[in-house]
Protein backbone atom coordinates (compact mmCIF):
# COMPACT_ATOMS: atom_id res chain seq x y z
CA MET A 1 91.94 54.56 59.49
CA GLN A 2 95.20 56.13 58.41
CA TYR A 3 93.39 59.43 57.89
CA GLY A 4 91.95 59.21 61.42
CA ARG A 5 95.35 58.49 62.88
CA ARG A 6 96.79 61.37 60.89
CA GLN A 7 94.11 63.72 62.23
CA GLY A 8 94.74 62.44 65.77
CA ASN A 9 98.44 63.04 65.36
CA LEU A 10 97.72 66.60 64.22
CA LEU A 11 95.41 67.21 67.18
CA ILE A 12 98.13 66.88 69.84
CA PRO A 13 100.51 69.53 68.42
CA SER A 14 97.57 71.81 67.61
CA VAL A 15 96.24 71.72 71.17
CA ALA A 16 99.77 71.98 72.54
CA GLY A 17 100.36 75.03 70.36
CA ILE A 18 97.19 76.68 71.66
CA TRP A 19 98.18 76.13 75.29
CA LEU A 20 101.73 77.27 74.58
CA ILE A 21 100.35 80.54 73.22
CA ILE A 22 98.13 80.88 76.30
CA PHE A 23 101.11 80.16 78.58
CA VAL A 24 103.22 82.81 76.84
CA PHE A 25 100.32 85.27 77.02
CA LEU A 26 99.73 84.65 80.74
CA SER A 27 103.46 84.79 81.49
CA TYR A 28 103.74 88.13 79.73
CA ASN A 29 100.74 89.46 81.63
CA ALA A 30 102.22 88.23 84.92
CA PHE A 31 105.47 90.04 84.11
CA VAL A 32 103.59 93.23 83.24
CA LEU A 33 101.58 92.98 86.47
CA TRP A 34 104.73 92.43 88.53
CA HIS A 35 106.40 95.44 86.91
CA SER A 36 103.23 97.51 87.39
CA TYR A 37 102.95 96.42 91.04
CA ASN A 38 106.50 97.54 91.77
CA TYR A 39 105.82 100.83 90.01
CA TYR A 40 102.73 101.64 92.10
CA VAL A 41 104.45 100.53 95.33
CA ARG A 42 107.38 102.78 94.47
CA GLU A 43 105.08 105.69 93.63
CA ALA A 44 103.12 105.26 96.87
CA GLY A 45 106.39 105.05 98.81
CA ASN A 46 107.69 108.20 97.16
CA ARG A 47 104.47 110.05 98.01
CA ALA A 48 104.64 108.84 101.62
CA LEU A 49 108.26 110.03 101.84
CA SER A 50 107.40 113.38 100.31
CA LEU A 51 104.58 113.92 102.80
CA VAL A 52 106.55 112.70 105.82
CA ARG A 53 109.37 115.12 104.99
CA LEU A 54 106.83 117.91 104.91
CA VAL A 55 105.40 116.79 108.26
CA GLU A 56 108.88 116.49 109.80
CA GLN A 57 109.87 119.96 108.61
CA HIS A 58 106.67 121.43 110.00
CA ALA A 59 107.06 119.68 113.39
CA SER A 60 110.72 120.68 113.67
CA ALA A 61 109.83 124.26 112.79
CA GLU A 62 107.05 124.38 115.40
CA ILE A 63 109.33 123.03 118.12
CA GLU A 64 112.14 125.41 117.18
CA ARG A 65 109.72 128.35 117.03
CA THR A 66 108.46 127.51 120.50
CA ASN A 67 112.01 127.01 121.78
CA ALA A 68 112.95 130.43 120.41
CA ALA A 69 110.05 131.99 122.34
CA LEU A 70 111.27 130.28 125.52
CA VAL A 71 114.85 131.48 124.96
CA GLU A 72 113.58 135.01 124.43
CA ALA A 73 111.53 134.83 127.63
CA THR A 74 114.51 133.46 129.56
CA ASP A 75 116.59 136.45 128.51
CA HIS A 76 114.17 138.67 130.45
CA LEU A 77 114.58 136.66 133.67
CA GLN A 78 117.10 136.85 136.47
CA SER A 79 118.63 133.95 138.39
CA ASP A 80 117.15 135.40 141.59
CA ASP A 81 113.68 135.00 140.11
CA PHE A 82 114.15 131.22 140.27
CA VAL A 83 115.96 131.35 143.63
CA TRP A 84 113.06 133.23 145.20
CA GLY A 85 110.48 131.25 143.20
CA MET A 86 107.33 130.90 145.28
CA ARG A 87 108.59 133.71 147.58
CA LEU A 88 108.64 136.36 144.84
CA SER A 89 106.88 139.57 145.64
CA GLU A 90 103.47 140.01 144.12
CA ARG A 91 104.75 142.91 142.03
CA GLN A 92 107.65 140.88 140.58
CA SER A 93 105.40 137.89 139.99
CA GLN A 94 102.91 140.04 138.06
CA LYS A 95 105.74 141.60 136.05
CA ILE A 96 107.07 138.18 135.05
CA SER A 97 103.58 136.93 134.21
CA ALA A 98 102.99 139.95 131.97
CA MET A 99 106.28 139.30 130.17
CA LEU A 100 105.30 135.65 129.66
CA PHE A 101 101.90 136.69 128.35
CA GLU A 102 103.57 138.99 125.81
CA ARG A 103 105.84 136.15 124.65
CA GLN A 104 102.79 133.88 124.29
CA ARG A 105 100.89 136.53 122.34
CA ARG A 106 103.74 136.86 119.86
CA ALA A 107 103.87 133.10 119.29
CA PRO A 108 100.49 131.88 117.95
CA GLY A 109 99.63 128.34 118.95
CA ILE A 110 101.29 128.47 122.37
CA LEU A 111 98.55 127.91 124.94
CA SER A 112 100.59 128.90 127.98
CA ILE A 113 104.11 129.53 129.30
CA SER A 114 105.02 128.62 132.87
CA LEU A 115 108.05 128.90 135.18
CA THR A 116 108.90 126.38 137.91
CA ASP A 117 111.47 126.39 140.65
CA LYS A 118 113.89 123.54 141.28
CA ASP A 119 111.15 121.59 143.06
CA GLY A 120 108.74 121.80 140.13
CA LEU A 121 106.37 124.33 141.67
CA VAL A 122 104.90 126.82 139.18
CA PHE A 123 105.59 130.32 140.49
CA ALA A 124 104.59 132.31 137.39
CA ASN A 125 102.62 131.73 134.17
CA SER A 126 101.22 133.60 131.19
CA LEU A 127 97.60 132.90 132.09
CA GLY A 128 97.64 134.65 135.46
CA VAL A 129 96.77 131.45 137.32
CA PRO A 130 97.73 131.58 141.01
CA PRO A 131 101.11 129.93 141.72
CA GLY A 132 101.61 126.63 143.47
CA ASN A 133 100.71 124.06 140.82
CA SER A 134 103.29 121.23 140.83
CA LEU A 135 104.92 119.71 137.74
CA SER A 136 107.47 117.74 139.74
CA ASN A 137 106.12 114.37 138.62
CA ARG A 138 106.31 115.11 134.91
CA LYS A 139 108.90 113.08 133.03
CA TYR A 140 110.26 116.06 131.12
CA PHE A 141 110.85 117.92 134.44
CA LEU A 142 112.64 114.94 135.95
CA ASP A 143 114.81 114.56 132.81
CA LEU A 144 115.76 118.25 132.84
CA LYS A 145 116.54 118.14 136.55
CA ALA A 146 118.65 114.99 136.23
CA TRP A 147 121.33 116.34 133.88
CA PRO A 148 122.37 119.60 132.21
CA GLN A 149 121.18 120.00 128.62
CA THR A 150 120.65 122.77 126.13
CA VAL A 151 118.21 120.95 123.85
CA PRO A 152 114.57 121.40 124.92
CA ARG A 153 112.59 118.41 126.07
CA VAL A 154 109.38 117.47 124.27
CA SER A 155 106.75 115.75 126.36
CA GLU A 156 103.99 113.34 125.47
CA ALA A 157 100.58 114.79 124.67
CA LEU A 158 98.87 116.08 127.81
CA TYR A 159 95.51 117.59 128.55
CA GLY A 160 96.05 121.04 130.06
CA ARG A 161 94.72 121.59 133.57
CA VAL A 162 94.29 125.29 132.89
CA SER A 163 93.86 125.53 129.11
CA ASN A 164 91.54 122.50 128.92
CA ARG A 165 93.09 121.60 125.59
CA TRP A 166 95.47 118.95 124.32
CA GLY A 167 99.06 119.98 123.80
CA ILE A 168 102.67 118.87 123.98
CA GLN A 169 105.05 120.52 126.41
CA ILE A 170 108.29 122.11 125.19
CA ALA A 171 110.54 122.64 128.24
CA ARG A 172 113.98 124.17 128.79
CA ARG A 173 116.29 123.77 131.79
CA ILE A 174 117.28 126.91 133.70
CA ASP A 175 120.65 126.83 135.50
CA LEU A 176 122.12 129.11 138.13
CA SER A 177 125.50 130.69 137.61
CA ASP A 178 127.19 127.77 139.36
CA GLY A 179 125.53 125.32 136.94
CA SER A 180 123.07 123.93 139.45
CA PHE A 181 119.47 123.32 138.50
CA ALA A 182 117.26 126.34 139.14
CA GLY A 183 114.02 125.24 137.48
CA MET A 184 112.48 125.20 134.03
CA ILE A 185 110.46 127.23 131.58
CA VAL A 186 107.79 125.26 129.74
CA ALA A 187 105.35 126.10 126.93
CA ASN A 188 102.17 124.22 126.17
CA LEU A 189 102.03 123.88 122.36
CA GLY A 190 98.42 123.29 121.30
CA LEU A 191 97.80 120.29 119.04
CA SER A 192 94.78 121.69 117.26
CA GLU A 193 96.28 125.13 116.70
CA ASN A 194 99.70 123.97 115.49
CA PHE A 195 99.29 120.52 113.95
CA GLU A 196 95.72 119.54 113.12
CA GLN A 197 94.97 122.68 111.12
CA PHE A 198 98.12 122.16 109.05
CA TYR A 199 97.45 118.45 108.50
CA GLN A 200 93.98 119.25 107.19
CA THR A 201 95.56 121.06 104.24
CA ILE A 202 97.59 118.04 103.11
CA GLY A 203 94.62 116.23 101.58
CA LEU A 204 94.74 112.76 103.09
CA GLY A 205 92.33 109.94 102.40
CA PRO A 206 89.80 108.80 105.03
CA ASN A 207 92.06 105.96 106.24
CA ASP A 208 95.41 107.73 105.85
CA LEU A 209 97.10 109.05 108.98
CA ILE A 210 99.78 111.42 110.26
CA SER A 211 101.46 110.89 113.59
CA LEU A 212 104.33 112.14 115.73
CA ARG A 213 105.79 109.56 118.10
CA ASP A 214 108.67 109.36 120.51
CA ALA A 215 111.36 106.69 120.61
CA ASP A 216 109.05 104.37 122.59
CA ASN A 217 106.40 104.61 119.83
CA ARG A 218 104.26 106.76 122.13
CA VAL A 219 101.73 108.92 120.29
CA LEU A 220 102.40 112.64 120.64
CA VAL A 221 100.19 113.82 117.78
CA ARG A 222 97.72 111.93 115.62
CA TYR A 223 95.58 112.97 112.68
CA PRO A 224 92.74 112.16 112.23
CA VAL A 225 92.40 112.94 115.93
CA ARG A 226 91.70 110.11 118.36
CA THR A 227 92.23 111.54 121.83
CA GLU A 228 92.13 108.11 123.49
CA LEU A 229 95.39 107.28 121.69
CA LEU A 230 97.29 110.42 122.70
CA GLY A 231 100.09 109.53 125.10
CA LYS A 232 99.62 105.79 124.47
CA VAL A 233 102.37 103.43 123.31
CA ILE A 234 101.31 101.62 120.13
CA GLU A 235 102.21 97.96 120.44
CA GLY A 236 102.12 95.34 117.71
CA GLU A 237 102.88 97.64 114.78
CA SER A 238 106.06 95.67 114.17
CA SER A 239 107.41 97.32 111.02
CA SER A 240 107.22 100.95 112.14
CA ASN A 241 108.04 100.00 115.75
CA GLN A 242 111.28 98.36 114.70
CA LYS A 243 112.32 101.26 112.49
CA ILE A 244 111.60 103.80 115.23
CA ARG A 245 113.55 101.88 117.86
CA LEU A 246 116.46 101.51 115.46
CA GLY A 247 116.39 105.28 115.11
CA VAL A 248 116.37 105.28 111.31
CA SER A 249 116.47 108.75 109.79
CA GLU A 250 114.09 107.93 106.94
CA GLN A 251 112.36 104.77 105.77
CA VAL A 252 109.31 103.41 103.95
CA VAL A 253 107.67 100.29 105.39
CA LEU A 254 104.49 98.29 104.91
CA SER A 255 102.72 98.17 108.26
CA LYS A 256 99.37 97.07 109.63
CA SER A 257 97.96 99.11 112.48
CA PRO A 258 96.67 97.18 115.51
CA VAL A 259 94.40 100.14 116.22
CA ASP A 260 92.20 100.07 113.10
CA ASP A 261 93.57 96.97 111.33
CA VAL A 262 94.35 99.03 108.20
CA GLU A 263 97.40 98.11 106.14
CA ARG A 264 99.37 101.19 105.10
CA ILE A 265 102.43 102.16 103.10
CA THR A 266 104.18 104.19 105.77
CA GLY A 267 106.88 106.84 105.55
CA ILE A 268 108.96 107.41 108.71
CA ARG A 269 111.36 110.30 109.28
CA ARG A 270 113.22 111.37 112.43
CA LEU A 271 113.11 115.02 113.46
CA GLN A 272 116.46 116.73 113.04
CA ARG A 273 117.23 117.61 116.69
CA HIS A 274 114.86 115.41 118.65
CA ALA A 275 114.18 111.71 119.17
CA ILE A 276 110.76 112.19 117.66
CA PHE A 277 109.53 110.48 114.51
CA ALA A 278 107.11 111.82 111.94
CA ILE A 279 104.91 109.14 110.39
CA VAL A 280 102.66 109.33 107.32
CA GLY A 281 100.64 106.21 106.47
CA LEU A 282 98.80 105.89 103.14
CA GLU A 283 96.11 103.23 102.98
CA ARG A 284 97.54 100.45 100.83
CA ASN A 285 94.24 99.54 99.16
CA VAL A 286 93.73 103.13 98.01
CA ALA A 287 97.35 103.72 97.00
CA MET A 288 97.33 100.47 95.01
CA ALA A 289 93.81 100.91 93.58
CA PRO A 290 95.06 101.49 89.99
CA TRP A 291 97.07 98.27 90.19
CA TYR A 292 94.10 96.34 91.60
CA LYS A 293 92.09 97.55 88.60
CA GLU A 294 94.81 96.29 86.25
CA LEU A 295 94.89 93.01 88.19
CA ARG A 296 91.13 92.51 87.81
CA GLN A 297 91.34 93.22 84.09
CA ALA A 298 94.26 90.80 83.75
CA VAL A 299 92.32 88.12 85.64
CA TYR A 300 89.29 88.64 83.39
CA PHE A 301 91.51 88.37 80.30
CA ALA A 302 93.26 85.30 81.71
CA VAL A 303 89.98 83.56 82.56
CA GLY A 304 88.62 84.46 79.15
CA ALA A 305 91.76 83.22 77.41
CA LEU A 306 91.74 79.97 79.39
CA ALA A 307 88.04 79.46 78.68
CA ALA A 308 88.57 80.21 74.98
CA ALA A 309 91.55 77.85 74.83
CA ALA A 310 89.61 75.12 76.60
CA LEU A 311 86.61 75.63 74.30
CA PHE A 312 88.79 75.72 71.18
CA SER A 313 90.64 72.59 72.29
CA HIS A 314 87.31 70.86 72.94
CA LEU A 315 85.91 71.94 69.57
CA LEU A 316 89.09 70.89 67.80
CA ALA A 317 89.04 67.51 69.51
CA ARG A 318 85.33 67.18 68.74
CA ARG A 319 85.95 68.08 65.10
CA VAL A 320 88.67 65.46 64.80
CA GLN A 321 86.36 62.96 66.48
CA MET A 322 83.51 63.83 64.10
CA GLU A 323 85.82 63.66 61.09
CA ASP A 324 87.03 60.29 62.28
CA GLU A 325 83.45 59.10 62.75
CA PHE A 326 82.56 60.47 59.33
CA LEU A 327 85.54 58.65 57.86
CA HIS A 328 84.39 55.38 59.39
CA THR A 329 80.85 56.00 58.17
CA GLU A 330 82.08 56.91 54.72
CA THR A 331 84.26 53.80 54.64
CA ARG A 332 81.36 51.57 55.67
CA PHE A 333 79.18 53.27 53.07
CA ARG A 334 81.80 52.73 50.38
CA TYR A 335 82.17 49.07 51.33
CA ALA A 336 78.40 48.71 51.27
CA MET A 337 78.18 50.29 47.81
CA GLU A 338 80.98 48.10 46.52
CA ALA A 339 79.23 45.02 47.89
CA THR A 340 75.92 45.77 46.16
CA SER A 341 75.15 45.64 42.45
CA ASP A 342 72.85 48.67 42.70
CA GLY A 343 73.92 52.09 41.52
CA ILE A 344 73.32 54.92 43.98
CA TRP A 345 72.82 58.58 43.18
CA ASP A 346 72.51 61.75 45.32
CA TRP A 347 71.23 64.90 43.64
CA ASP A 348 71.65 68.47 45.01
CA LEU A 349 69.09 70.36 42.93
CA ALA A 350 70.25 73.81 44.07
CA THR A 351 73.63 73.28 42.38
CA ASP A 352 72.65 70.43 40.02
CA ASN A 353 75.56 68.49 41.49
CA MET A 354 75.07 64.73 41.49
CA TYR A 355 76.97 62.01 43.25
CA PHE A 356 77.12 58.69 41.38
CA SER A 357 78.39 55.56 43.08
CA PRO A 358 81.01 53.56 41.15
CA THR A 359 78.46 50.79 40.40
CA TYR A 360 76.15 53.35 38.81
CA PHE A 361 78.47 53.48 35.78
CA THR A 362 80.23 50.13 35.97
CA MET A 363 76.92 48.31 35.47
CA LEU A 364 76.85 50.05 32.07
CA GLY A 365 80.50 49.29 31.31
CA TYR A 366 81.78 52.81 32.01
CA GLU A 367 84.54 53.87 34.39
CA PRO A 368 83.63 55.78 37.56
CA GLY A 369 84.10 59.51 37.06
CA GLU A 370 83.90 59.24 33.28
CA PHE A 371 80.89 61.56 33.13
CA PRO A 372 80.30 65.00 34.71
CA SER A 373 78.59 65.01 38.11
CA THR A 374 75.39 66.63 36.79
CA SER A 375 71.88 65.49 35.88
CA ARG A 376 72.76 65.64 32.17
CA SER A 377 74.92 62.56 32.59
CA TRP A 378 71.84 60.59 33.59
CA ILE A 379 69.45 62.18 31.08
CA ASP A 380 71.77 61.86 28.08
CA LEU A 381 72.23 58.11 28.65
CA ILE A 382 68.47 57.38 28.68
CA HIS A 383 66.95 55.88 25.53
CA PRO A 384 65.26 58.62 23.47
CA ASP A 385 61.93 56.76 23.62
CA ASP A 386 62.07 56.60 27.44
CA ARG A 387 63.67 60.00 28.17
CA HIS A 388 60.57 62.19 28.23
CA HIS A 389 58.53 59.96 30.56
CA SER A 390 61.50 59.28 32.85
CA VAL A 391 62.30 62.97 33.28
CA ALA A 392 58.59 63.75 33.78
CA THR A 393 58.36 61.11 36.52
CA ALA A 394 61.33 62.67 38.33
CA GLN A 395 59.83 66.14 37.82
CA ASP A 396 56.59 65.06 39.53
CA CYS A 397 58.60 64.17 42.61
CA ILE A 398 60.54 67.44 42.42
CA GLU A 399 57.30 69.46 42.26
CA ASN A 400 55.90 67.53 45.26
CA ARG A 401 53.21 65.78 43.25
CA CYS A 402 54.53 62.55 44.71
CA GLU A 403 56.88 61.69 47.56
CA SER A 404 58.83 59.05 45.61
CA PHE A 405 58.92 57.43 42.21
CA SER A 406 59.82 54.17 40.47
CA ARG A 407 60.19 53.74 36.70
CA GLU A 408 61.76 51.37 34.19
CA PHE A 409 63.80 52.80 31.32
CA ARG A 410 66.70 51.94 29.08
CA MET A 411 70.19 53.37 29.35
CA LYS A 412 72.98 53.16 26.80
CA ALA A 413 75.94 50.93 27.69
CA ARG A 414 79.52 51.48 26.57
CA ASP A 415 79.25 48.68 23.96
CA GLY A 416 76.28 50.47 22.37
CA SER A 417 73.66 48.12 23.72
CA TRP A 418 70.70 49.21 25.83
CA LYS A 419 70.25 47.98 29.36
CA TRP A 420 66.99 48.04 31.21
CA ILE A 421 67.21 49.97 34.48
CA LEU A 422 64.74 50.14 37.35
CA GLY A 423 65.13 53.66 38.71
CA ARG A 424 63.81 54.60 42.15
CA GLY A 425 64.07 57.93 43.94
CA ARG A 426 62.62 60.10 46.68
CA ALA A 427 62.95 63.66 47.96
CA VAL A 428 64.77 63.95 51.29
CA LEU A 429 64.83 67.76 51.55
CA ARG A 430 62.29 70.34 50.39
CA ASP A 431 62.08 74.14 50.63
CA ALA A 432 59.23 76.14 52.17
CA ASP A 433 57.22 75.82 48.95
CA GLY A 434 57.58 72.04 48.92
CA ARG A 435 60.00 71.92 46.00
CA ALA A 436 62.66 69.26 46.35
CA GLN A 437 66.13 70.49 47.23
CA ARG A 438 67.80 67.10 47.51
CA MET A 439 66.91 63.67 46.16
CA ILE A 440 68.48 60.25 46.46
CA GLY A 441 67.82 57.02 44.65
CA THR A 442 69.07 53.76 43.11
CA HIS A 443 69.48 52.14 39.71
CA VAL A 444 69.04 48.38 39.39
CA ASP A 445 70.03 46.49 36.23
CA ILE A 446 66.90 44.49 35.25
CA THR A 447 68.05 43.65 31.70
CA LYS A 448 68.06 39.87 32.25
CA GLY A 449 64.59 39.98 33.72
CA LYS A 450 63.30 42.03 30.82
CA GLU A 451 64.93 39.68 28.30
CA LEU A 452 63.32 36.68 30.01
CA GLU A 453 59.97 38.44 30.03
CA GLU A 454 60.32 39.21 26.30
CA LYS A 455 61.16 35.57 25.51
CA LEU A 456 58.13 34.37 27.42
CA GLN A 457 55.92 36.81 25.56
CA GLN A 458 57.38 35.67 22.21
CA LEU A 459 56.90 32.03 23.18
CA ALA A 460 53.31 32.75 24.07
CA ARG A 461 52.73 34.17 20.63
CA THR A 462 54.26 31.19 18.68
CA ASP A 463 53.61 28.05 20.81
CA PRO A 464 50.32 26.16 19.79
CA LEU A 465 49.96 24.83 23.29
CA CYS A 466 49.81 28.35 24.58
CA GLU A 467 47.13 29.11 21.94
CA PHE A 468 45.15 26.02 22.99
CA ARG A 469 45.20 27.11 26.59
CA ARG A 470 43.65 30.42 25.56
CA ILE A 471 40.51 28.63 24.02
CA PRO A 472 37.74 29.13 26.61
CA ALA A 473 35.90 26.07 27.92
CA THR A 474 32.32 25.44 26.65
């Protein structure tokens, strides 16, 4: 029982040690995953920033290039051209239109250039369209008319009435010499020609996006193209919305689009001279794919480690339980052997190792363990006259000529006397050829019985009454 308690006491720290190792292992893996997660988020953010800077520089350059074309065209105009406006002579109108066409030709990507008077009526354009079209309701016209400004206005995306293509309008205010509003010059900058073709070269994923938006989060440009979103205000995209309305110059946010429900790591950058924001969104699942792979591997390792720890703990507990049960069985067996006067033996023929119970030797006056644990200890103690037949009887059982055996023989006691022993045995394990691999048996001291039998036989030989009884009746 003390051994069982000792094994039970060892079980608790052993299992605790296993789970402590697992805890340390899982904690280390969690730390590595956390560090790896931050690394991939940082790398994705840096890539988004790098791309959004490129997009911002391109957009700023396109606007400035268009503005330069408008300034150049303005230099070829006279104040009277705007004063006369719709009343210009046909010759002057054609001359101005030709000049505008030349400016458009020199600036690839500009779909048209138009001039309006102070009332927003188009009196000349690069496409040769008859005058009279009104732009007076356009927000960029109303803004230019409302107050003097030198910075061009950038409109929302519009579908051209003449060009039949999507574009954003870059417009400049034209003032008379007294500073009063004379009209505007406006260029239609094509989205496909100036933005989409460039964005195609960046190498985005299928769910990545590029967008230009104004301060109200209104879509000016979007790639991949979705024309139904052009000119629309995107609501519900809280992270990027907030950053745009705060007017941040550059920022990386995690946002989820209400349009396609895709979560993206988004870079935002304000254009240098305009309240326009370049946005590049990288799909989070793709950007973080290497980390998700590491996470899956870590989960597999963790599950495997937990399963192994649980199995090992179970096996360890089961082993302790089995050892405890074996101890109890062994104790009961020992008590049973001590309580009986029979000697018990267990013979492993493969190794010639024999187990002898204490009574096996004490019945002969020897001490337990006094002889080697081999078959010679049994054979050498047998009386020479009985040895051959006793060994032959055991050999018959070994060779499978009988399942068990029982034989009487004499064994030498410590005091030199000979004790009669009844030996029994049987094979409990045989190999494929039937040869015994393990045998067990008992020795019983029958000396007193044999002595009584001998006395009776001697009495029968010397007692006249016994002789008389042997005379047959006539």
